[in-house]
Protein backbone atom coordinates (compact mmCIF):
# COMPACT_ATOMS: atom_id res chain seq x y z
CA MET A 1 9.28 -2.58 -35.68
CA ASN A 2 6.00 -1.65 -33.99
CA GLU A 3 5.04 1.96 -34.20
CA SER A 4 4.25 3.89 -31.04
CA PRO A 5 0.52 4.10 -30.30
CA ALA A 6 0.96 7.84 -29.83
CA VAL A 7 2.23 8.14 -33.42
CA ASP A 8 -0.24 5.75 -35.01
CA ARG A 9 -3.29 7.39 -33.43
CA VAL A 10 -6.49 7.15 -35.52
CA ALA A 11 -7.80 10.65 -36.13
CA THR A 12 -11.30 9.89 -37.41
CA PRO A 13 -13.87 9.95 -34.58
CA ALA A 14 -16.32 7.13 -35.27
CA TRP A 15 -17.69 5.96 -31.93
CA THR A 16 -20.58 7.60 -30.06
CA VAL A 17 -20.77 7.80 -26.27
CA SER A 18 -23.60 5.27 -26.18
CA ALA A 19 -21.71 2.82 -28.40
CA VAL A 20 -18.61 2.94 -26.20
CA ALA A 21 -20.73 2.67 -23.05
CA ARG A 22 -22.43 -0.45 -24.43
CA ARG A 23 -19.06 -1.93 -25.35
CA LEU A 24 -17.71 -1.48 -21.81
CA GLY A 25 -20.98 -2.17 -20.02
CA ILE A 26 -21.03 1.13 -18.12
CA ALA A 27 -23.26 4.20 -18.10
CA PRO A 28 -22.58 7.08 -20.53
CA ALA A 29 -22.41 9.39 -17.52
CA THR A 30 -19.49 7.36 -16.20
CA LEU A 31 -17.61 7.86 -19.47
CA ARG A 32 -18.13 11.62 -19.25
CA SER A 33 -16.96 11.61 -15.63
CA TRP A 34 -13.83 9.63 -16.56
CA SER A 35 -13.06 12.13 -19.29
CA ASN A 36 -13.59 15.17 -17.07
CA ARG A 37 -11.79 13.77 -14.07
CA TYR A 38 -8.99 11.63 -15.46
CA GLY A 39 -8.45 13.05 -18.94
CA ILE A 40 -9.22 9.84 -20.82
CA GLY A 41 -11.41 9.76 -23.89
CA PRO A 42 -11.81 12.20 -26.79
CA ALA A 43 -9.14 14.88 -26.99
CA GLY A 44 -10.19 18.46 -27.71
CA HIS A 45 -13.87 17.98 -26.88
CA GLU A 46 -15.85 21.20 -27.17
CA PRO A 47 -18.58 21.83 -24.57
CA GLY A 48 -22.08 21.63 -26.03
CA ARG A 49 -21.07 19.29 -28.86
CA TYR A 50 -21.49 15.51 -29.04
CA ARG A 51 -18.47 13.47 -28.03
CA ARG A 52 -17.00 11.19 -30.66
CA PHE A 53 -14.36 8.57 -29.93
CA THR A 54 -11.59 7.36 -32.20
CA ASP A 55 -10.46 3.74 -32.27
CA ASP A 56 -7.49 4.68 -30.09
CA ASP A 57 -9.79 6.45 -27.64
CA VAL A 58 -11.71 3.20 -27.33
CA ALA A 59 -8.49 1.20 -26.96
CA GLU A 60 -7.44 3.53 -24.14
CA LEU A 61 -10.78 3.03 -22.39
CA ASP A 62 -10.53 -0.73 -22.93
CA THR A 63 -7.20 -0.64 -21.09
CA VAL A 64 -8.69 1.34 -18.21
CA TRP A 65 -11.62 -1.05 -17.89
CA ARG A 66 -9.39 -4.14 -18.07
CA LEU A 67 -7.03 -2.81 -15.38
CA THR A 68 -9.83 -1.83 -13.02
CA ARG A 69 -11.39 -5.27 -13.39
CA GLN A 70 -8.01 -6.74 -12.42
CA GLY A 71 -8.01 -4.72 -9.21
CA MET A 72 -6.26 -1.47 -10.11
CA PRO A 73 -7.90 1.75 -8.83
CA ILE A 74 -9.43 3.90 -11.56
CA ALA A 75 -7.05 6.85 -11.17
CA THR A 76 -3.97 4.63 -11.49
CA ALA A 77 -5.52 2.70 -14.39
CA ALA A 78 -6.19 5.96 -16.24
CA ALA A 79 -2.60 7.08 -15.76
CA VAL A 80 -1.27 3.73 -17.02
CA ALA A 81 -3.60 3.85 -20.05
CA ARG A 82 -2.45 7.36 -20.92
CA ASP A 83 1.15 6.17 -20.66
CA GLN A 84 0.53 3.21 -22.96
CA HIS A 85 -1.56 4.96 -25.59
CA ARG A 86 -0.17 8.50 -25.59
CA GLY A 87 3.30 8.19 -24.15
CA ALA A 88 2.28 10.19 -21.08
CA VAL A 89 4.15 9.98 -17.80
CA VAL A 90 2.48 8.28 -14.85
CA ARG A 91 2.73 10.77 -12.02
CA ALA A 92 2.73 8.85 -8.76
CA THR A 93 3.95 9.34 -5.24
CA PRO A 94 4.42 6.53 -2.73
CA ASP A 95 2.17 6.32 0.28
CA VAL A 96 4.64 5.79 3.11
CA GLY A 97 4.42 2.36 4.67
CA THR A 98 2.43 0.62 1.94
CA GLY A 99 5.00 0.26 -0.82
CA VAL A 100 2.21 0.92 -3.36
CA PRO A 101 2.11 4.03 -5.57
CA ALA A 102 -0.86 6.34 -5.49
CA ALA A 103 -1.64 8.20 -8.70
CA SER A 104 -1.53 11.99 -8.70
CA GLY A 105 -4.84 13.37 -7.52
CA GLY A 106 -5.78 10.02 -6.03
CA PRO A 107 -9.02 8.11 -6.33
CA GLY A 108 -10.39 9.83 -3.29
CA THR A 109 -10.44 13.22 -5.02
CA ARG A 110 -13.95 14.62 -5.25
CA GLY A 111 -15.53 14.49 -8.68
CA ALA A 112 -18.63 16.32 -9.90
CA ASP A 113 -21.12 17.10 -7.14
CA VAL A 114 -24.27 15.01 -6.89
CA ALA A 115 -27.23 16.71 -8.52
CA PRO A 116 -30.57 16.78 -6.63
CA ASP A 117 -32.24 14.65 -9.28
CA GLU A 118 -29.57 11.96 -8.82
CA LEU A 119 -30.34 11.80 -5.11
CA ASP A 120 -34.08 11.77 -5.84
CA ALA A 121 -33.58 8.91 -8.32
CA LEU A 122 -31.61 6.90 -5.75
CA LEU A 123 -34.35 7.37 -3.14
CA GLY A 124 -37.00 6.48 -5.70
CA ALA A 125 -35.19 3.24 -6.51
CA ALA A 126 -34.89 2.47 -2.80
CA GLY A 127 -38.62 3.07 -2.34
CA ARG A 128 -39.37 0.64 -5.18
CA LEU A 129 -36.83 -1.84 -3.73
CA ASP A 130 -35.17 -1.68 -7.16
CA VAL A 131 -31.75 -2.99 -6.14
CA ASP A 132 -30.57 -3.27 -9.77
CA THR A 133 -30.92 0.49 -10.21
CA LEU A 134 -29.43 1.13 -6.77
CA LEU A 135 -26.35 -0.95 -7.59
CA SER A 136 -25.94 0.66 -11.02
CA THR A 137 -26.26 4.21 -9.65
CA LEU A 138 -23.93 3.61 -6.74
CA GLY A 139 -21.39 1.80 -8.90
CA ASP A 140 -21.28 4.66 -11.40
CA SER A 141 -20.84 7.21 -8.62
CA LEU A 142 -18.06 5.24 -6.95
CA ALA A 143 -16.24 4.95 -10.28
CA ALA A 144 -16.64 8.64 -11.06
CA ARG A 145 -16.31 10.27 -7.62
CA GLY A 146 -14.60 7.78 -5.34
CA VAL A 147 -15.73 6.43 -2.00
CA SER A 148 -15.59 9.55 0.14
CA ALA A 149 -17.57 11.83 -2.17
CA THR A 150 -20.13 9.12 -2.92
CA TRP A 151 -20.66 8.51 0.78
CA GLU A 152 -20.84 12.15 1.80
CA GLN A 153 -22.83 13.47 -1.17
CA LEU A 154 -25.08 10.55 -2.07
CA CYS A 155 -25.29 7.77 0.53
CA ARG A 156 -25.49 9.75 3.75
CA PRO A 157 -28.05 12.27 2.41
CA ALA A 158 -30.18 9.42 1.05
CA LEU A 159 -30.13 7.56 4.36
CA ALA A 160 -30.89 10.78 6.27
CA ARG A 161 -33.84 11.68 4.04
CA ASN A 162 -35.26 8.19 4.35
CA ALA A 163 -34.91 8.34 8.14
CA ALA A 164 -36.64 11.73 8.21
CA ALA A 165 -39.48 10.35 6.09
CA GLU A 166 -39.94 7.54 8.61
CA LEU A 167 -40.73 10.15 11.27
CA ASP A 168 -43.46 11.69 9.12
CA PRO A 169 -46.87 10.51 10.46
CA ASP A 170 -48.22 10.45 6.91
CA THR A 171 -45.54 8.04 5.70
CA ASP A 172 -45.73 4.25 5.72
CA ASP A 173 -43.14 3.25 8.35
CA LEU A 174 -42.71 -0.25 6.97
CA ALA A 175 -42.04 1.10 3.47
CA CYS A 176 -39.29 3.34 4.88
CA ILE A 177 -37.73 0.42 6.72
CA ASP A 178 -37.81 -1.69 3.56
CA ALA A 179 -36.21 1.15 1.60
CA GLU A 180 -33.48 1.61 4.21
CA CYS A 181 -32.66 -2.10 4.17
CA ALA A 182 -32.46 -2.15 0.35
CA LEU A 183 -30.34 1.00 0.28
CA ALA A 184 -27.93 -0.16 3.00
CA TRP A 185 -27.50 -3.57 1.37
CA SER A 186 -26.86 -1.95 -2.01
CA ILE A 187 -24.26 0.43 -0.55
CA ILE A 188 -22.36 -2.40 1.16
CA THR A 189 -22.57 -4.60 -1.94
CA SER A 190 -21.31 -1.78 -4.18
CA LEU A 191 -18.39 -1.09 -1.84
CA ARG A 192 -17.43 -4.77 -1.78
CA ARG A 193 -17.49 -4.90 -5.57
CA LEU A 194 -14.73 -2.28 -5.79
CA PRO A 195 -11.37 -3.53 -7.07
CA THR A 196 -9.17 -4.89 -4.31
CA PRO A 197 -5.88 -2.98 -3.92
CA PRO A 198 -2.63 -4.91 -4.29
CA PRO A 199 -1.54 -6.61 -1.05
CA ALA A 200 0.69 -4.60 1.23
CA PRO A 201 4.25 -5.82 1.79
CA ARG A 202 4.69 -8.40 4.53
CA GLY A 203 5.09 -6.70 7.88
CA ALA A 204 3.64 -3.36 6.69
CA PRO A 205 1.67 -1.56 9.42
CA ARG A 206 -2.11 -1.91 9.22
CA VAL A 207 -5.19 -0.56 10.92
CA LEU A 208 -7.77 -2.77 12.61
CA LEU A 209 -11.48 -2.04 12.21
CA ALA A 210 -14.16 -3.57 14.42
CA CYS A 211 -17.64 -2.94 15.74
CA VAL A 212 -17.71 -3.18 19.52
CA ALA A 213 -19.65 -5.94 21.28
CA GLY A 214 -23.38 -5.74 20.61
CA GLU A 215 -22.96 -3.36 17.67
CA GLN A 216 -24.43 -4.75 14.44
CA HIS A 217 -24.27 -1.56 12.34
CA THR A 218 -21.34 -2.08 9.94
CA LEU A 219 -22.27 0.25 7.08
CA ALA A 220 -20.02 3.16 8.04
CA LEU A 221 -17.16 0.82 8.90
CA ASP A 222 -17.50 -0.92 5.53
CA THR A 223 -17.31 2.52 3.93
CA LEU A 224 -14.16 3.37 5.88
CA TYR A 225 -12.58 0.05 4.86
CA ALA A 226 -13.31 0.81 1.20
CA ALA A 227 -12.00 4.38 1.50
CA LEU A 228 -8.76 3.10 3.06
CA GLY A 229 -8.33 0.54 0.29
CA GLU A 230 -8.83 3.26 -2.29
CA ARG A 231 -5.91 5.12 -0.73
CA TYR A 232 -3.72 2.01 -0.26
CA VAL A 233 -3.91 2.11 3.52
CA PRO A 234 -3.69 -1.56 4.67
CA ALA A 235 -6.55 -2.56 6.97
CA ARG A 236 -8.08 -5.61 8.62
CA MET A 237 -11.83 -5.83 9.18
CA LEU A 238 -13.31 -7.88 12.03
CA GLY A 239 -16.94 -6.94 11.33
CA PRO A 240 -19.97 -6.64 13.61
CA SER A 241 -20.29 -7.22 17.36
CA VAL A 242 -16.74 -8.26 18.22
CA PRO A 243 -16.58 -9.35 21.88
CA ALA A 244 -14.15 -7.25 23.89
CA PRO A 245 -11.80 -10.18 24.70
CA ALA A 246 -11.64 -11.10 21.00
CA LEU A 247 -10.89 -7.51 19.96
CA LEU A 248 -8.16 -7.22 22.58
CA HIS A 249 -6.67 -10.54 21.48
CA ALA A 250 -6.66 -9.44 17.84
CA ALA A 251 -4.93 -6.18 18.75
CA GLU A 252 -2.37 -8.00 20.90
CA GLN A 253 -1.58 -10.50 18.14
CA THR A 254 -1.38 -8.07 15.19
CA ARG A 255 -0.05 -4.92 16.92
CA PRO A 256 -1.88 -2.63 14.47
CA ALA A 257 -0.92 0.96 13.76
CA ALA A 258 -4.40 1.95 14.91
CA VAL A 259 -7.63 0.36 16.13
CA PHE A 260 -10.97 1.86 15.13
CA ALA A 261 -13.74 0.79 17.52
CA TRP A 262 -17.16 1.57 16.04
CA ALA A 263 -20.23 2.24 18.19
CA GLN A 264 -23.49 3.40 16.62
CA THR A 265 -25.37 3.88 19.90
CA THR A 266 -24.54 4.86 23.46
CA ARG A 267 -25.78 1.42 24.57
CA THR A 268 -22.82 -0.29 22.90
CA ALA A 269 -20.20 2.42 23.57
CA ARG A 270 -18.33 1.00 26.56
CA ARG A 271 -15.39 3.16 27.60
CA ALA A 272 -13.42 0.33 29.23
CA VAL A 273 -12.58 -1.42 25.96
CA LEU A 274 -10.86 1.73 24.66
CA SER A 275 -8.57 1.90 27.68
CA ARG A 276 -7.72 -1.79 27.42
CA LEU A 277 -6.69 -1.37 23.78
CA ARG A 278 -4.08 1.28 24.55
CA PRO A 279 -1.19 -1.10 25.40
CA HIS A 280 -1.57 -2.92 22.07
CA THR A 281 -1.54 -0.04 19.58
CA PRO A 282 -0.18 3.51 19.41
CA THR A 283 -3.54 4.88 18.18
CA VAL A 284 -7.02 4.05 19.47
CA VAL A 285 -9.90 5.73 17.64
CA ALA A 286 -13.45 5.93 18.96
CA ALA A 287 -15.53 5.96 15.79
CA GLY A 288 -19.27 6.45 15.46
CA PRO A 289 -21.97 8.58 17.10
CA GLY A 290 -22.27 6.22 20.04
CA TRP A 291 -19.19 7.78 21.61
CA ASP A 292 -20.41 11.38 21.31
CA SER A 293 -21.67 11.61 24.89
CA THR A 294 -18.87 9.49 26.35
CA SER A 295 -15.81 10.94 28.04
CA LEU A 296 -12.98 9.26 26.17
CA PRO A 297 -9.94 7.90 28.03
CA PRO A 298 -6.72 9.93 27.77
CA GLY A 299 -4.98 9.51 24.44
CA VAL A 300 -8.01 8.07 22.61
CA ARG A 301 -8.86 9.93 19.43
CA ALA A 302 -12.35 10.63 18.08
CA ALA A 303 -13.19 10.29 14.39
CA THR A 304 -15.75 12.94 13.45
CA GLY A 305 -16.37 11.83 9.87
CA LEU A 306 -15.10 9.65 7.04
CA ASP A 307 -12.37 12.02 5.84
CA ALA A 308 -11.17 12.55 9.40
CA ALA A 309 -11.07 8.78 9.98
CA VAL A 310 -9.05 8.22 6.80
CA ALA A 311 -6.64 10.97 7.81
CA LEU A 312 -6.16 9.41 11.26
CA ALA A 313 -5.53 5.99 9.72
CA ARG A 314 -3.00 7.30 7.21
CA SER A 315 -1.20 9.28 9.89
CA ALA A 316 -1.02 6.21 12.14
CA VAL A 317 0.30 3.97 9.36
CA ASN A 318 2.83 6.55 8.19
CA GLY A 319 3.99 7.14 11.77
CA CYS A 320 4.58 3.43 12.33
CA SER A 321 6.41 3.17 8.99
CA VAL A 322 8.78 5.99 9.92
CA GLY A 323 9.33 4.43 13.35
CA ARG A 324 10.38 1.10 11.77
CA ASN A 325 12.86 2.64 9.34
């Protein structure tokens, strides 16, 4: 008979943080964040002292890493690993309409705040066009903090500071543009590298995300798509510059729980498309700063930020789920 892993737990700490980080191929800071946020790693660690991992600690982390690589969100993977290696109970509550459990706390929960030197390092890497460092930094933050906190605390401030530098007459404009391109590409690439959530049940309500015609800026919409996936909210992405007839056809065919129409500038924010979407979905959301100076049609909602957009999407999906029961 096999003994329970919780009973046969090795008590001698033998692994250093750097050794475990090398084994998993992640940064030591990510290990510390996992321990602080999800309770995986050395038990009884005392602040100010070096962390040491037992063989079972490493086995637990191996399980977390394997599950995340297979597509499971980090919070759920940590709960499963604790259950396997310590006999803990996975605390999960269903997200109505998706049929997929979300672990207690959820992957969108904010982790440790971004330190100023972390933001400076990200901007420095962008200025050097060092995409390897950009991808590593962003990947570690997404794993430790989740999409929303990484976007609000790291990505948006970095993009804003770079844009402000571009307005400085003493700054090389072309260098700022290069840095912005490298940073935006790295953010999108990091988001698309996140584990894909399990598919929603057939017929489950979804949200539809699209940039309006002429709008090529997809970064914020890519971030929203990743944040929804992190919370098991089913979504379809149509991408940049979707012609109005194509967007209306997609909404008519899929009957989504909500349509998010993104406009970055007032030039692309055309009010008529919002009105024409109303018959095809219970919730139309005008997303992006392009709509700020536009009088929205009756019943159209405005998304004022990432968290607000996620909340609107979840509410729309849950409302459709209840209506179909």
